[in-house]
C-alpha atoms as a PDB file:
ATOM      1  CA  MET A   1     194.947 218.867  82.947  1.00  0.00           C
ATOM      2  CA  LYS A   2     196.667 217.548  86.075  1.00  0.00           C
ATOM      3  CA  LYS A   3     197.487 221.124  87.058  1.00  0.00           C
ATOM      4  CA  TYR A   4     193.805 222.111  86.987  1.00  0.00           C
ATOM      5  CA  LEU A   5     192.798 219.011  88.902  1.00  0.00           C
ATOM      6  CA  LEU A   6     195.385 219.821  91.577  1.00  0.00           C
ATOM      7  CA  ILE A   7     194.092 223.404  91.848  1.00  0.00           C
ATOM      8  CA  LEU A   8     190.533 222.107  92.186  1.00  0.00           C
ATOM      9  CA  ILE A   9     191.522 219.662  94.922  1.00  0.00           C
ATOM     10  CA  ILE A  10     193.401 222.374  96.833  1.00  0.00           C
ATOM     11  CA  ALA A  11     190.433 224.742  96.502  1.00  0.00           C
ATOM     12  CA  LEU A  12     188.125 222.106  97.946  1.00  0.00           C
ATOM     13  CA  ILE A  13     190.447 221.179 100.813  1.00  0.00           C
ATOM     14  CA  MET A  14     191.464 224.696 101.923  1.00  0.00           C
ATOM     15  CA  PRO A  15     188.111 225.717 103.463  1.00  0.00           C
ATOM     16  CA  ARG A  16     188.127 222.523 105.537  1.00  0.00           C
ATOM     17  CA  MET A  17     191.672 223.221 106.693  1.00  0.00           C
ATOM     18  CA  ALA A  18     190.709 226.762 107.670  1.00  0.00           C
ATOM     19  CA  MET A  19     187.715 225.514 109.670  1.00  0.00           C
ATOM     20  CA  ALA A  20     189.813 222.887 111.442  1.00  0.00           C
ATOM     21  CA  HIS A  21     192.506 225.395 112.346  1.00  0.00           C
ATOM     22  CA  CYS A  22     190.804 226.485 115.551  1.00  0.00           C
ATOM     23  CA  GLN A  23     190.801 222.929 116.877  1.00  0.00           C
ATOM     24  CA  ILE A  24     194.524 222.327 116.764  1.00  0.00           C
ATOM     25  CA  PRO A  25     196.775 223.541 119.589  1.00  0.00           C
ATOM     26  CA  CYS A  26     198.365 226.395 117.669  1.00  0.00           C
ATOM     27  CA  GLY A  27     198.320 229.051 120.399  1.00  0.00           C
ATOM     28  CA  ILE A  28     197.458 231.770 117.878  1.00  0.00           C
ATOM     29  CA  TYR A  29     193.989 232.710 119.078  1.00  0.00           C
ATOM     30  CA  ASP A  30     193.496 235.295 121.786  1.00  0.00           C
ATOM     31  CA  ASP A  31     190.506 235.094 124.112  1.00  0.00           C
ATOM     32  CA  GLU A  32     190.104 238.863 124.372  1.00  0.00           C
ATOM     33  CA  LEU A  33     189.991 239.145 120.585  1.00  0.00           C
ATOM     34  CA  ARG A  34     187.267 236.453 120.523  1.00  0.00           C
ATOM     35  CA  PHE A  35     185.213 238.484 122.985  1.00  0.00           C
ATOM     36  CA  GLU A  36     185.780 241.690 121.020  1.00  0.00           C
ATOM     37  CA  ALA A  37     184.654 239.941 117.833  1.00  0.00           C
ATOM     38  CA  LEU A  38     181.588 238.599 119.650  1.00  0.00           C
ATOM     39  CA  GLU A  39     180.791 242.143 120.831  1.00  0.00           C
ATOM     40  CA  GLU A  40     180.946 243.320 117.213  1.00  0.00           C
ATOM     41  CA  ASP A  41     178.683 240.449 116.194  1.00  0.00           C
ATOM     42  CA  VAL A  42     176.079 241.473 118.785  1.00  0.00           C
ATOM     43  CA  ALA A  43     176.328 245.108 117.647  1.00  0.00           C
ATOM     44  CA  THR A  44     175.779 243.960 114.066  1.00  0.00           C
ATOM     45  CA  ILE A  45     172.719 241.975 115.131  1.00  0.00           C
ATOM     46  CA  LYS A  46     171.338 245.038 116.919  1.00  0.00           C
ATOM     47  CA  LYS A  47     171.952 247.199 113.842  1.00  0.00           C
ATOM     48  CA  SER A  48     170.237 244.576 111.686  1.00  0.00           C
ATOM     49  CA  ILE A  49     167.228 244.507 114.008  1.00  0.00           C
ATOM     50  CA  ALA A  50     166.982 248.301 113.936  1.00  0.00           C
ATOM     51  CA  GLN A  51     167.075 248.313 110.130  1.00  0.00           C
ATOM     52  CA  ILE A  52     164.557 245.468 109.865  1.00  0.00           C
ATOM     53  CA  ASN A  53     162.147 247.325 112.117  1.00  0.00           C
ATOM     54  CA  LEU A  54     162.713 250.618 110.277  1.00  0.00           C
ATOM     55  CA  ILE A  55     162.136 249.113 106.833  1.00  0.00           C
ATOM     56  CA  SER A  56     159.154 247.088 108.061  1.00  0.00           C
ATOM     57  CA  ALA A  57     157.492 250.232 109.426  1.00  0.00           C
ATOM     58  CA  SER A  58     157.973 252.292 106.273  1.00  0.00           C
ATOM     59  CA  ASN A  59     155.322 252.689 103.584  1.00  0.00           C
ATOM     60  CA  GLY A  60     157.691 252.193 100.658  1.00  0.00           C
ATOM     61  CA  LYS A  61     158.978 248.829 101.791  1.00  0.00           C
ATOM     62  CA  ASP A  62     162.263 247.838 100.265  1.00  0.00           C
ATOM     63  CA  PHE A  63     161.962 244.075 100.413  1.00  0.00           C
ATOM     64  CA  ASN A  64     165.433 243.485  99.003  1.00  0.00           C
ATOM     65  CA  GLN A  65     167.050 245.468 101.806  1.00  0.00           C
ATOM     66  CA  LEU A  66     164.762 243.842 104.347  1.00  0.00           C
ATOM     67  CA  VAL A  67     165.880 240.388 103.228  1.00  0.00           C
ATOM     68  CA  ARG A  68     169.522 241.456 103.305  1.00  0.00           C
ATOM     69  CA  TRP A  69     169.225 242.690 106.914  1.00  0.00           C
ATOM     70  CA  VAL A  70     167.432 239.491 107.958  1.00  0.00           C
ATOM     71  CA  ASN A  71     170.182 237.416 106.331  1.00  0.00           C
ATOM     72  CA  ASN A  72     172.793 239.564 108.071  1.00  0.00           C
ATOM     73  CA  LYS A  73     171.151 238.978 111.450  1.00  0.00           C
ATOM     74  CA  GLU A  74     171.108 235.225 110.744  1.00  0.00           C
ATOM     75  CA  GLU A  75     174.758 235.186 109.681  1.00  0.00           C
ATOM     76  CA  TYR A  76     176.025 236.955 112.792  1.00  0.00           C
ATOM     77  CA  SER A  77     173.850 234.871 115.097  1.00  0.00           C
ATOM     78  CA  ASN A  78     175.344 231.769 113.487  1.00  0.00           C
ATOM     79  CA  LYS A  79     178.853 233.162 113.959  1.00  0.00           C
ATOM     80  CA  ILE A  80     178.216 233.562 117.680  1.00  0.00           C
ATOM     81  CA  ILE A  81     176.866 230.025 117.970  1.00  0.00           C
ATOM     82  CA  ASP A  82     179.887 228.714 116.084  1.00  0.00           C
ATOM     83  CA  VAL A  83     182.413 230.506 118.314  1.00  0.00           C
ATOM     84  CA  MET A  84     180.609 229.391 121.459  1.00  0.00           C
ATOM     85  CA  SER A  85     180.562 225.764 120.297  1.00  0.00           C
ATOM     86  CA  ASN A  86     183.858 225.362 118.483  1.00  0.00           C
ATOM     87  CA  TYR A  87     186.065 227.693 120.480  1.00  0.00           C
ATOM     88  CA  PHE A  88     184.785 228.022 124.031  1.00  0.00           C
ATOM     89  CA  LEU A  89     183.025 224.694 124.591  1.00  0.00           C
ATOM     90  CA  ALA A  90     185.344 222.509 122.561  1.00  0.00           C
ATOM     91  CA  GLN A  91     188.617 224.061 123.671  1.00  0.00           C
ATOM     92  CA  ARG A  92     188.680 226.759 126.293  1.00  0.00           C
ATOM     93  CA  ILE A  93     186.257 225.874 129.101  1.00  0.00           C
ATOM     94  CA  LYS A  94     187.791 223.015 131.076  1.00  0.00           C
ATOM     95  CA  PRO A  95     185.989 220.712 133.552  1.00  0.00           C
ATOM     96  CA  ASP A  96     188.586 221.305 136.267  1.00  0.00           C
ATOM     97  CA  HIS A  97     187.687 224.967 136.751  1.00  0.00           C
ATOM     98  CA  LYS A  98     185.694 225.861 139.864  1.00  0.00           C
ATOM     99  CA  ASN A  99     183.149 227.853 137.785  1.00  0.00           C
ATOM    100  CA  TYR A 100     182.811 225.157 135.138  1.00  0.00           C
ATOM    101  CA  GLU A 101     179.049 224.688 135.568  1.00  0.00           C
ATOM    102  CA  LYS A 102     178.426 228.441 135.632  1.00  0.00           C
ATOM    103  CA  MET A 103     180.433 228.900 132.441  1.00  0.00           C
ATOM    104  CA  LEU A 104     178.592 226.048 130.743  1.00  0.00           C
ATOM    105  CA  LYS A 105     175.248 227.604 131.649  1.00  0.00           C
ATOM    106  CA  SER A 106     176.481 230.976 130.470  1.00  0.00           C
ATOM    107  CA  VAL A 107     177.650 229.606 127.114  1.00  0.00           C
ATOM    108  CA  HIS A 108     174.336 227.793 126.759  1.00  0.00           C
ATOM    109  CA  ASN A 109     172.456 231.039 127.398  1.00  0.00           C
ATOM    110  CA  VAL A 110     174.545 232.871 124.790  1.00  0.00           C
ATOM    111  CA  ILE A 111     173.764 230.145 122.252  1.00  0.00           C
ATOM    112  CA  VAL A 112     170.051 230.197 123.110  1.00  0.00           C
ATOM    113  CA  PHE A 113     169.792 233.981 122.774  1.00  0.00           C
ATOM    114  CA  ALA A 114     171.749 233.906 119.510  1.00  0.00           C
ATOM    115  CA  MET A 115     169.207 231.376 118.250  1.00  0.00           C
ATOM    116  CA  LYS A 116     166.306 233.510 119.511  1.00  0.00           C
ATOM    117  CA  ASN A 117     167.756 236.472 117.607  1.00  0.00           C
ATOM    118  CA  LYS A 118     167.479 234.417 114.449  1.00  0.00           C
ATOM    119  CA  GLN A 119     163.779 233.901 115.209  1.00  0.00           C
ATOM    120  CA  ASN A 120     162.889 237.481 116.195  1.00  0.00           C
ATOM    121  CA  SER A 121     163.484 241.138 115.501  1.00  0.00           C
ATOM    122  CA  ASP A 122     163.164 242.320 119.075  1.00  0.00           C
ATOM    123  CA  VAL A 123     166.036 244.395 120.407  1.00  0.00           C
ATOM    124  CA  LYS A 124     165.271 243.140 123.939  1.00  0.00           C
ATOM    125  CA  ILE A 125     166.421 239.683 122.870  1.00  0.00           C
ATOM    126  CA  ALA A 126     169.624 241.157 121.456  1.00  0.00           C
ATOM    127  CA  ASP A 127     170.104 242.957 124.779  1.00  0.00           C
ATOM    128  CA  GLU A 128     169.726 239.613 126.581  1.00  0.00           C
ATOM    129  CA  LEU A 129     172.327 238.154 124.232  1.00  0.00           C
ATOM    130  CA  GLN A 130     174.667 240.993 125.181  1.00  0.00           C
ATOM    131  CA  ASN A 131     173.964 240.526 128.906  1.00  0.00           C
ATOM    132  CA  ASN A 132     174.722 236.814 128.735  1.00  0.00           C
ATOM    133  CA  LEU A 133     177.883 237.435 126.740  1.00  0.00           C
ATOM    134  CA  ASP A 134     178.974 239.958 129.384  1.00  0.00           C
ATOM    135  CA  GLU A 135     178.312 237.383 132.099  1.00  0.00           C
ATOM    136  CA  LEU A 136     180.379 234.765 130.277  1.00  0.00           C
ATOM    137  CA  ARG A 137     183.176 237.246 129.780  1.00  0.00           C
ATOM    138  CA  SER A 138     183.302 238.098 133.490  1.00  0.00           C
ATOM    139  CA  LEU A 139     183.322 234.396 134.475  1.00  0.00           C
ATOM    140  CA  TYR A 140     185.945 233.628 131.868  1.00  0.00           C
ATOM    141  CA  ILE A 141     188.215 236.544 132.777  1.00  0.00           C
ATOM    142  CA  GLU A 142     187.953 235.466 136.427  1.00  0.00           C
ATOM    143  CA  LYS A 143     189.099 232.009 135.283  1.00  0.00           C
ATOM    144  CA  LYS A 144     192.146 233.451 133.515  1.00  0.00           C
ATOM    145  CA  HIS A 145     193.291 235.387 136.572  1.00  0.00           C
ATOM    146  CA  GLU A 146     193.047 232.396 138.873  1.00  0.00           C
ATOM    147  CA  HIS A 147     196.534 231.088 138.126  1.00  0.00           C
END
């Protein structure tokens, strides 16, 4: 019985440990990989929007698939918001950088457009998300090469 209780406790604790991992100074994460993952997230949102609009326009509506694409769009928008908040804002963007305010505004814009993508199925909003992510990337890369 104790063995099963221990397994249950470990199973409940492990997801919290995995979530906390990005907020300890481990040095494992790579900024370029974060941006590449964010690019994939935006591409997934755009694909979801295209599928939502395609299914919505068809006569034989497949509501199950429609719901799945909407959920997918929500999930990837949330992932972007999470990375912006827990990785870039909490850890990587430092107040002593000369472009600090610009980077904060840029991160805010990425978060806002990720949220707007949850509320809409307009590819123009996804394009704005991409544009703001590109802007953040250019400001951030400039920061890295300042040393």
